[in-house]
Amino acid sequence: MNWKLIFQLSLFGLAMGLATVSVIPSSVEPIVWLVIFGICAYIIATRAAGRYFLHGLSVSIVNSVWISVAHILLFDRYIANHSREAWMMRSMPLPDSPRLMMAMMGPVVGVVSGLVLGLFSVVAARLVAVKK
């Protein structure tokens, strides 16, 4: 495993964690993530020496840590700009502890998105191998 590469690619998660607090609206966020996943998958395919799926999974798990920390630390500003998410939090477990809920759900989202990035990375590795 190339932990340096994983950490470097996870900085996209730090940037998104900060940007989604007040700059990037939740309606645009999935499109931005799709672009980021494409970039990450290509970089993993060209710079990792194998285990492409695990690299993608690991990047997304570390991303989820960055994002969760940013959203928890900047919670008041985040919630002020994300009324839909605030409404959803009221109907989820721990409605009185939204920061704790974010901390618990972050890794779950990280694993799910990691499955996607892992698959993207495997496909990108095969496409890169075909070009060689």
N, C-alpha and C. Protein backbone atom coordinates (compact mmCIF):
# COMPACT_ATOMS: atom_id res chain seq x y z
N MET A 1 0.84 -1.19 0.00
CA MET A 1 0.00 0.00 0.00
C MET A 1 0.89 1.24 0.00
N ASN A 2 0.52 2.19 -0.80
CA ASN A 2 1.25 3.44 -0.90
C ASN A 2 0.56 4.49 -0.02
N TRP A 3 0.96 4.54 1.25
CA TRP A 3 0.29 5.42 2.22
C TRP A 3 0.52 6.89 1.92
N LYS A 4 1.66 7.21 1.33
CA LYS A 4 1.91 8.60 0.95
C LYS A 4 0.90 9.04 -0.11
N LEU A 5 0.66 8.20 -1.10
CA LEU A 5 -0.31 8.49 -2.15
C LEU A 5 -1.71 8.61 -1.56
N ILE A 6 -2.07 7.70 -0.67
CA ILE A 6 -3.40 7.73 -0.04
C ILE A 6 -3.58 9.04 0.72
N PHE A 7 -2.58 9.43 1.51
CA PHE A 7 -2.68 10.69 2.26
C PHE A 7 -2.79 11.87 1.31
N GLN A 8 -1.97 11.91 0.28
CA GLN A 8 -2.01 13.04 -0.65
C GLN A 8 -3.37 13.14 -1.34
N LEU A 9 -3.91 12.02 -1.79
CA LEU A 9 -5.22 12.06 -2.45
C LEU A 9 -6.34 12.40 -1.46
N SER A 10 -6.15 12.06 -0.20
CA SER A 10 -7.17 12.37 0.80
C SER A 10 -7.27 13.87 1.06
N LEU A 11 -6.30 14.63 0.63
CA LEU A 11 -6.37 16.08 0.80
C LEU A 11 -7.52 16.67 -0.01
N PHE A 12 -7.99 15.95 -1.04
CA PHE A 12 -9.23 16.36 -1.72
C PHE A 12 -10.37 16.36 -0.71
N GLY A 13 -10.37 15.38 0.18
CA GLY A 13 -11.40 15.31 1.21
C GLY A 13 -11.33 16.48 2.17
N LEU A 14 -10.11 16.87 2.54
CA LEU A 14 -9.95 18.04 3.42
C LEU A 14 -10.47 19.29 2.71
N ALA A 15 -10.10 19.45 1.46
CA ALA A 15 -10.56 20.61 0.70
C ALA A 15 -12.08 20.61 0.57
N MET A 16 -12.65 19.46 0.27
CA MET A 16 -14.11 19.38 0.15
C MET A 16 -14.79 19.57 1.49
N GLY A 17 -14.21 19.04 2.55
CA GLY A 17 -14.78 19.22 3.88
C GLY A 17 -14.90 20.69 4.23
N LEU A 18 -13.87 21.45 3.90
CA LEU A 18 -13.89 22.89 4.18
C LEU A 18 -14.79 23.63 3.18
N ALA A 19 -14.70 23.26 1.91
CA ALA A 19 -15.47 23.96 0.88
C ALA A 19 -16.97 23.72 1.00
N THR A 20 -17.36 22.54 1.44
CA THR A 20 -18.80 22.25 1.53
C THR A 20 -19.44 22.92 2.74
N VAL A 21 -18.63 23.47 3.63
CA VAL A 21 -19.21 24.18 4.77
C VAL A 21 -19.97 25.41 4.30
N SER A 22 -19.37 26.18 3.38
CA SER A 22 -20.06 27.41 2.98
C SER A 22 -19.90 27.78 1.51
N VAL A 23 -19.05 27.10 0.77
CA VAL A 23 -18.79 27.49 -0.62
C VAL A 23 -19.55 26.61 -1.62
N ILE A 24 -19.46 25.30 -1.47
CA ILE A 24 -20.07 24.38 -2.43
C ILE A 24 -21.42 23.93 -1.88
N PRO A 25 -22.51 24.22 -2.60
CA PRO A 25 -23.83 23.78 -2.13
C PRO A 25 -24.01 22.27 -2.31
N SER A 26 -24.88 21.69 -1.51
CA SER A 26 -25.08 20.24 -1.56
C SER A 26 -25.64 19.78 -2.90
N SER A 27 -26.26 20.68 -3.67
CA SER A 27 -26.78 20.30 -4.99
C SER A 27 -25.66 20.09 -6.00
N VAL A 28 -24.52 20.74 -5.81
CA VAL A 28 -23.39 20.65 -6.73
C VAL A 28 -22.36 19.62 -6.24
N GLU A 29 -22.38 19.32 -4.96
CA GLU A 29 -21.37 18.46 -4.35
C GLU A 29 -21.20 17.11 -5.05
N PRO A 30 -22.27 16.38 -5.41
CA PRO A 30 -22.06 15.09 -6.08
C PRO A 30 -21.29 15.20 -7.39
N ILE A 31 -21.50 16.27 -8.14
CA ILE A 31 -20.78 16.46 -9.41
C ILE A 31 -19.30 16.68 -9.14
N VAL A 32 -19.00 17.48 -8.13
CA VAL A 32 -17.61 17.74 -7.77
C VAL A 32 -16.94 16.43 -7.33
N TRP A 33 -17.66 15.64 -6.52
CA TRP A 33 -17.10 14.36 -6.07
C TRP A 33 -16.86 13.41 -7.24
N LEU A 34 -17.73 13.41 -8.21
CA LEU A 34 -17.54 12.54 -9.38
C LEU A 34 -16.25 12.91 -10.11
N VAL A 35 -16.00 14.20 -10.26
CA VAL A 35 -14.75 14.66 -10.90
C VAL A 35 -13.55 14.25 -10.05
N ILE A 36 -13.65 14.46 -8.74
CA ILE A 36 -12.54 14.10 -7.83
C ILE A 36 -12.28 12.59 -7.89
N PHE A 37 -13.35 11.80 -7.89
CA PHE A 37 -13.17 10.35 -7.97
C PHE A 37 -12.50 9.94 -9.27
N GLY A 38 -12.85 10.59 -10.37
CA GLY A 38 -12.21 10.29 -11.64
C GLY A 38 -10.72 10.61 -11.61
N ILE A 39 -10.38 11.76 -11.05
CA ILE A 39 -8.97 12.15 -10.92
C ILE A 39 -8.23 11.18 -10.03
N CYS A 40 -8.81 10.88 -8.86
CA CYS A 40 -8.17 9.96 -7.92
C CYS A 40 -7.98 8.57 -8.53
N ALA A 41 -9.01 8.08 -9.21
CA ALA A 41 -8.92 6.75 -9.83
C ALA A 41 -7.79 6.70 -10.85
N TYR A 42 -7.67 7.74 -11.65
CA TYR A 42 -6.59 7.78 -12.65
C TYR A 42 -5.23 7.81 -11.96
N ILE A 43 -5.09 8.63 -10.94
CA ILE A 43 -3.80 8.73 -10.24
C ILE A 43 -3.47 7.41 -9.55
N ILE A 44 -4.46 6.78 -8.93
CA ILE A 44 -4.22 5.48 -8.30
C ILE A 44 -3.81 4.46 -9.36
N ALA A 45 -4.48 4.47 -10.49
CA ALA A 45 -4.17 3.52 -11.57
C ALA A 45 -2.76 3.70 -12.10
N THR A 46 -2.27 4.93 -12.10
CA THR A 46 -0.95 5.18 -12.69
C THR A 46 0.18 5.17 -11.66
N ARG A 47 -0.13 5.38 -10.39
CA ARG A 47 0.95 5.50 -9.38
C ARG A 47 0.98 4.39 -8.34
N ALA A 48 -0.12 3.69 -8.15
CA ALA A 48 -0.12 2.58 -7.19
C ALA A 48 0.43 1.35 -7.89
N ALA A 49 1.14 0.53 -7.15
CA ALA A 49 1.76 -0.66 -7.74
C ALA A 49 0.86 -1.89 -7.65
N GLY A 50 -0.40 -1.68 -7.53
CA GLY A 50 -1.35 -2.78 -7.38
C GLY A 50 -2.34 -2.45 -6.28
N ARG A 51 -3.18 -3.41 -5.94
CA ARG A 51 -4.20 -3.21 -4.92
C ARG A 51 -4.98 -1.91 -5.13
N TYR A 52 -5.44 -1.73 -6.35
CA TYR A 52 -6.12 -0.49 -6.73
C TYR A 52 -7.39 -0.28 -5.91
N PHE A 53 -8.15 -1.36 -5.74
CA PHE A 53 -9.39 -1.25 -4.98
C PHE A 53 -9.11 -0.80 -3.55
N LEU A 54 -8.13 -1.41 -2.90
CA LEU A 54 -7.81 -1.04 -1.51
C LEU A 54 -7.28 0.38 -1.40
N HIS A 55 -6.56 0.83 -2.40
CA HIS A 55 -6.11 2.22 -2.40
C HIS A 55 -7.32 3.17 -2.46
N GLY A 56 -8.26 2.89 -3.36
CA GLY A 56 -9.45 3.73 -3.47
C GLY A 56 -10.27 3.71 -2.19
N LEU A 57 -10.46 2.54 -1.63
CA LEU A 57 -11.20 2.41 -0.38
C LEU A 57 -10.53 3.20 0.73
N SER A 58 -9.22 3.08 0.83
CA SER A 58 -8.47 3.78 1.88
C SER A 58 -8.54 5.30 1.72
N VAL A 59 -8.44 5.78 0.49
CA VAL A 59 -8.53 7.22 0.25
C VAL A 59 -9.88 7.74 0.75
N SER A 60 -10.96 7.02 0.42
CA SER A 60 -12.28 7.49 0.83
C SER A 60 -12.49 7.42 2.34
N ILE A 61 -11.92 6.44 2.99
CA ILE A 61 -12.04 6.36 4.45
C ILE A 61 -11.31 7.53 5.10
N VAL A 62 -10.11 7.84 4.61
CA VAL A 62 -9.38 9.00 5.15
C VAL A 62 -10.12 10.29 4.81
N ASN A 63 -10.69 10.36 3.59
CA ASN A 63 -11.52 11.51 3.22
C ASN A 63 -12.63 11.73 4.24
N SER A 64 -13.28 10.64 4.64
CA SER A 64 -14.41 10.76 5.56
C SER A 64 -13.97 11.31 6.91
N VAL A 65 -12.75 11.02 7.30
CA VAL A 65 -12.23 11.58 8.56
C VAL A 65 -12.07 13.09 8.41
N TRP A 66 -11.42 13.52 7.34
CA TRP A 66 -11.23 14.96 7.09
C TRP A 66 -12.57 15.69 7.06
N ILE A 67 -13.51 15.14 6.30
CA ILE A 67 -14.80 15.79 6.12
C ILE A 67 -15.57 15.84 7.42
N SER A 68 -15.58 14.74 8.15
CA SER A 68 -16.30 14.72 9.43
C SER A 68 -15.72 15.73 10.41
N VAL A 69 -14.41 15.78 10.50
CA VAL A 69 -13.77 16.74 11.41
C VAL A 69 -14.10 18.17 11.01
N ALA A 70 -14.02 18.47 9.72
CA ALA A 70 -14.32 19.83 9.26
C ALA A 70 -15.77 20.20 9.56
N HIS A 71 -16.69 19.28 9.28
CA HIS A 71 -18.11 19.58 9.49
C HIS A 71 -18.45 19.67 10.98
N ILE A 72 -17.79 18.88 11.80
CA ILE A 72 -18.04 18.94 13.25
C ILE A 72 -17.48 20.23 13.84
N LEU A 73 -16.25 20.56 13.45
CA LEU A 73 -15.62 21.78 13.99
C LEU A 73 -16.32 23.05 13.51
N LEU A 74 -16.82 23.03 12.29
CA LEU A 74 -17.50 24.19 11.71
C LEU A 74 -19.00 23.96 11.63
N PHE A 75 -19.53 23.23 12.60
CA PHE A 75 -20.92 22.77 12.57
C PHE A 75 -21.92 23.90 12.40
N ASP A 76 -21.80 24.97 13.18
CA ASP A 76 -22.79 26.04 13.12
C ASP A 76 -22.85 26.66 11.72
N ARG A 77 -21.69 26.90 11.13
CA ARG A 77 -21.67 27.47 9.78
C ARG A 77 -22.18 26.45 8.75
N TYR A 78 -21.80 25.18 8.94
CA TYR A 78 -22.25 24.13 8.01
C TYR A 78 -23.77 24.02 8.03
N ILE A 79 -24.35 23.94 9.20
CA ILE A 79 -25.79 23.74 9.32
C ILE A 79 -26.56 24.96 8.84
N ALA A 80 -25.98 26.15 9.00
CA ALA A 80 -26.63 27.37 8.52
C ALA A 80 -26.76 27.38 7.00
N ASN A 81 -25.84 26.71 6.31
CA ASN A 81 -25.85 26.68 4.85
C ASN A 81 -26.44 25.40 4.27
N HIS A 82 -26.88 24.48 5.12
CA HIS A 82 -27.40 23.19 4.65
C HIS A 82 -28.70 22.86 5.38
N SER A 83 -29.74 23.57 5.03
CA SER A 83 -31.03 23.39 5.72
C SER A 83 -31.61 22.00 5.48
N ARG A 84 -31.41 21.44 4.31
CA ARG A 84 -31.93 20.10 4.03
C ARG A 84 -31.26 19.06 4.94
N GLU A 85 -29.95 19.18 5.11
CA GLU A 85 -29.24 18.26 5.99
C GLU A 85 -29.67 18.44 7.44
N ALA A 86 -29.90 19.69 7.83
CA ALA A 86 -30.37 19.96 9.20
C ALA A 86 -31.71 19.29 9.43
N TRP A 87 -32.61 19.37 8.45
CA TRP A 87 -33.91 18.75 8.57
C TRP A 87 -33.79 17.23 8.65
N MET A 88 -32.90 16.65 7.83
CA MET A 88 -32.70 15.20 7.85
C MET A 88 -32.14 14.74 9.19
N MET A 89 -31.27 15.53 9.80
CA MET A 89 -30.68 15.15 11.08
C MET A 89 -31.73 15.02 12.18
N ARG A 90 -32.78 15.80 12.08
CA ARG A 90 -33.84 15.76 13.09
C ARG A 90 -34.58 14.43 13.08
N SER A 91 -34.60 13.76 11.94
CA SER A 91 -35.34 12.51 11.82
C SER A 91 -34.44 11.28 12.00
N MET A 92 -33.15 11.47 12.21
CA MET A 92 -32.23 10.36 12.36
C MET A 92 -31.99 10.08 13.85
N PRO A 93 -31.34 8.95 14.14
CA PRO A 93 -31.00 8.69 15.54
C PRO A 93 -30.12 9.82 16.09
N LEU A 94 -30.21 10.06 17.36
CA LEU A 94 -29.45 11.11 18.05
C LEU A 94 -29.75 12.51 17.53
N PRO A 95 -31.02 12.89 17.39
CA PRO A 95 -31.34 14.23 16.88
C PRO A 95 -30.84 15.34 17.80
N ASP A 96 -30.60 15.02 19.07
CA ASP A 96 -30.10 16.03 20.01
C ASP A 96 -28.58 16.11 20.02
N SER A 97 -27.92 15.21 19.31
CA SER A 97 -26.45 15.20 19.24
C SER A 97 -26.01 15.11 17.78
N PRO A 98 -26.23 16.16 17.01
CA PRO A 98 -25.90 16.06 15.57
C PRO A 98 -24.41 15.88 15.31
N ARG A 99 -23.56 16.45 16.15
CA ARG A 99 -22.12 16.26 15.94
C ARG A 99 -21.72 14.80 16.15
N LEU A 100 -22.28 14.18 17.17
CA LEU A 100 -22.00 12.76 17.42
C LEU A 100 -22.51 11.91 16.27
N MET A 101 -23.69 12.24 15.76
CA MET A 101 -24.23 11.51 14.63
C MET A 101 -23.32 11.66 13.40
N MET A 102 -22.80 12.88 13.18
CA MET A 102 -21.87 13.08 12.07
C MET A 102 -20.62 12.23 12.25
N ALA A 103 -20.12 12.18 13.47
CA ALA A 103 -18.92 11.39 13.75
C ALA A 103 -19.16 9.90 13.52
N MET A 104 -20.36 9.45 13.81
CA MET A 104 -20.69 8.03 13.62
C MET A 104 -20.99 7.70 12.16
N MET A 105 -21.63 8.61 11.45
CA MET A 105 -22.01 8.35 10.07
C MET A 105 -20.86 8.58 9.08
N GLY A 106 -19.90 9.42 9.45
CA GLY A 106 -18.77 9.72 8.56
C GLY A 106 -18.06 8.48 8.05
N PRO A 107 -17.65 7.57 8.96
CA PRO A 107 -16.97 6.36 8.47
C PRO A 107 -17.86 5.47 7.59
N VAL A 108 -19.15 5.44 7.87
CA VAL A 108 -20.07 4.65 7.05
C VAL A 108 -20.10 5.21 5.62
N VAL A 109 -20.22 6.53 5.53
CA VAL A 109 -20.20 7.18 4.22
C VAL A 109 -18.84 6.96 3.55
N GLY A 110 -17.77 6.99 4.35
CA GLY A 110 -16.44 6.76 3.82
C GLY A 110 -16.29 5.38 3.21
N VAL A 111 -16.83 4.36 3.87
CA VAL A 111 -16.74 3.00 3.34
C VAL A 111 -17.58 2.86 2.07
N VAL A 112 -18.79 3.40 2.07
CA VAL A 112 -19.66 3.30 0.90
C VAL A 112 -19.03 4.03 -0.30
N SER A 113 -18.55 5.25 -0.06
CA SER A 113 -17.90 5.97 -1.16
C SER A 113 -16.58 5.30 -1.53
N GLY A 114 -15.95 4.64 -0.58
CA GLY A 114 -14.72 3.90 -0.85
C GLY A 114 -14.95 2.72 -1.77
N LEU A 115 -16.11 2.09 -1.64
CA LEU A 115 -16.44 1.01 -2.57
C LEU A 115 -16.53 1.54 -4.00
N VAL A 116 -17.12 2.73 -4.13
CA VAL A 116 -17.25 3.35 -5.45
C VAL A 116 -15.86 3.73 -5.99
N LEU A 117 -15.07 4.44 -5.17
CA LEU A 117 -13.74 4.85 -5.63
C LEU A 117 -12.86 3.64 -5.90
N GLY A 118 -13.00 2.60 -5.09
CA GLY A 118 -12.24 1.37 -5.33
C GLY A 118 -12.57 0.77 -6.69
N LEU A 119 -13.85 0.72 -7.02
CA LEU A 119 -14.25 0.19 -8.34
C LEU A 119 -13.77 1.10 -9.47
N PHE A 120 -13.90 2.42 -9.27
CA PHE A 120 -13.38 3.35 -10.27
C PHE A 120 -11.89 3.11 -10.50
N SER A 121 -11.15 2.87 -9.42
CA SER A 121 -9.70 2.68 -9.52
C SER A 121 -9.35 1.41 -10.27
N VAL A 122 -10.09 0.34 -10.02
CA VAL A 122 -9.86 -0.92 -10.73
C VAL A 122 -10.14 -0.73 -12.22
N VAL A 123 -11.24 -0.08 -12.55
CA VAL A 123 -11.59 0.16 -13.96
C VAL A 123 -10.52 1.04 -14.61
N ALA A 124 -10.10 2.09 -13.91
CA ALA A 124 -9.06 2.98 -14.45
C ALA A 124 -7.76 2.22 -14.68
N ALA A 125 -7.40 1.34 -13.75
CA ALA A 125 -6.17 0.55 -13.92
C ALA A 125 -6.26 -0.33 -15.15
N ARG A 126 -7.42 -0.91 -15.40
CA ARG A 126 -7.58 -1.74 -16.60
C ARG A 126 -7.53 -0.91 -17.87
N LEU A 127 -8.12 0.28 -17.82
CA LEU A 127 -8.09 1.15 -18.99
C LEU A 127 -6.66 1.64 -19.27
N VAL A 128 -5.94 1.97 -18.23
CA VAL A 128 -4.56 2.41 -18.39
C VAL A 128 -3.70 1.27 -18.93
N ALA A 129 -3.94 0.04 -18.45
CA ALA A 129 -3.18 -1.12 -18.91
C ALA A 129 -3.46 -1.40 -20.39
N VAL A 130 -4.67 -1.18 -20.84
CA VAL A 130 -5.03 -1.39 -22.25
C VAL A 130 -4.29 -0.41 -23.15
N LYS A 131 -4.11 0.81 -22.67
CA LYS A 131 -3.42 1.83 -23.46
C LYS A 131 -1.93 1.54 -23.62
N LYS A 132 -1.35 0.79 -22.69
CA LYS A 132 0.10 0.54 -22.74
C LYS A 132 0.48 -0.44 -23.80
